[in-house]
Structures are given as C-alpha cells and as structure tokens.
Amino acid sequence: MDHEERSILEATSVSLSSVVARIRAEYVEMPGLALTVAQAARFWSLNPSALEQLFSILVDDGFLLRDKTGAYRRP
C-alpha cells in the first residue's frame, strides 16, 4: 500500500488491521458473498483504490479469490 492509500485510511481514522478484520468478518458471516471493488467500496464506504490493495492482501493470504467476473469471494 503506498503513502497516498495509507493517508486515505488514516484520514478516516481507521487502522489497516481493523479494516482487514472487518472485511474478513463480513465474508465469514455471509457465505457466498461476492463483491466487485465498486460494490465493496459502497458497502464499506471505502476508497476503491484502497480496497483494491486490501483485496490484494486478502488474495495473497489465500482468504479471498478473484473470480472471472471480477468479484472477490471466498475460495
């Protein structure tokens, strides 16, 4: 995550770890949840470019995958 994206999260007084935890919790609580970046940005009221980075972290961790439609979901 670059400086600008960190600033976006800091400007909203939200820590990176709490946002990642919140996203993980939503996916665990709602089996079958599949969101595009645009949908997730509206759902969590976050900047789309910051969400792309957060989703990248979750994909790298093996928690999410990006399907052929561009939605992020649990494997």
Protein backbone atom coordinates (compact mmCIF):
# COMPACT_ATOMS: atom_id res chain seq x y z
CA MET A 1 0.00 0.00 0.00
CA ASP A 2 1.53 3.33 -0.99
CA HIS A 3 1.63 6.56 1.02
CA GLU A 4 -1.48 8.01 -0.61
CA GLU A 5 -3.56 4.92 0.16
CA ARG A 6 -2.33 4.84 3.76
CA SER A 7 -3.28 8.51 4.05
CA ILE A 8 -6.78 7.69 2.82
CA LEU A 9 -7.21 5.12 5.57
CA GLU A 10 -5.60 7.36 8.20
CA ALA A 11 -7.83 10.26 7.16
CA THR A 12 -10.86 8.17 8.04
CA SER A 13 -9.33 7.30 11.44
CA VAL A 14 -9.43 3.62 10.64
CA SER A 15 -6.46 1.32 11.04
CA LEU A 16 -5.49 -1.09 8.29
CA SER A 17 -5.79 -4.10 10.60
CA SER A 18 -9.30 -3.15 11.72
CA VAL A 19 -10.45 -2.72 8.11
CA VAL A 20 -8.98 -6.08 7.11
CA ALA A 21 -10.61 -7.70 10.17
CA ARG A 22 -13.95 -6.12 9.27
CA ILE A 23 -13.76 -7.37 5.68
CA ARG A 24 -12.79 -10.87 6.86
CA ALA A 25 -15.68 -10.92 9.34
CA GLU A 26 -18.24 -9.92 6.69
CA TYR A 27 -17.07 -12.67 4.35
CA VAL A 28 -17.18 -15.25 7.16
CA GLU A 29 -20.61 -14.13 8.35
CA MET A 30 -22.09 -14.09 4.84
CA PRO A 31 -21.17 -17.29 2.99
CA GLY A 32 -21.44 -16.77 -0.73
CA LEU A 33 -20.65 -13.06 -0.53
CA ALA A 34 -19.02 -11.95 -3.80
CA LEU A 35 -18.30 -8.26 -4.32
CA THR A 36 -16.58 -6.25 -7.01
CA VAL A 37 -14.32 -3.41 -5.91
CA ALA A 38 -17.07 -0.88 -6.74
CA GLN A 39 -19.67 -2.81 -4.73
CA ALA A 40 -17.29 -3.26 -1.79
CA ALA A 41 -16.40 0.44 -1.83
CA ARG A 42 -20.08 1.30 -1.40
CA PHE A 43 -20.70 -1.48 1.13
CA TRP A 44 -17.80 -0.47 3.42
CA SER A 45 -17.65 3.24 2.50
CA LEU A 46 -14.01 2.98 1.45
CA ASN A 47 -11.95 4.36 -1.38
CA PRO A 48 -11.89 1.92 -4.35
CA SER A 49 -8.11 2.16 -4.82
CA ALA A 50 -7.52 1.38 -1.13
CA LEU A 51 -9.94 -1.56 -1.41
CA GLU A 52 -8.02 -2.95 -4.38
CA GLN A 53 -4.93 -3.01 -2.17
CA LEU A 54 -6.83 -4.59 0.73
CA PHE A 55 -8.32 -7.24 -1.54
CA SER A 56 -4.83 -7.92 -2.90
CA ILE A 57 -3.63 -8.60 0.66
CA LEU A 58 -6.55 -10.97 1.27
CA VAL A 59 -5.96 -12.78 -2.04
CA ASP A 60 -2.24 -13.14 -1.27
CA ASP A 61 -3.19 -14.59 2.15
CA GLY A 62 -5.47 -17.13 0.44
CA PHE A 63 -8.54 -15.76 2.23
CA LEU A 64 -10.23 -14.48 -0.97
CA LEU A 65 -10.01 -15.14 -4.66
CA ARG A 66 -11.00 -13.01 -7.62
CA ASP A 67 -13.39 -14.83 -9.92
CA LYS A 68 -13.78 -14.46 -13.67
CA THR A 69 -16.45 -11.76 -13.21
CA GLY A 70 -14.04 -9.62 -11.16
CA ALA A 71 -15.82 -10.27 -7.86
CA TYR A 72 -13.91 -11.20 -4.73
CA ARG A 73 -15.19 -14.23 -2.83
CA ARG A 74 -14.07 -17.00 -0.51
CA PRO A 75 -12.35 -19.97 -2.22
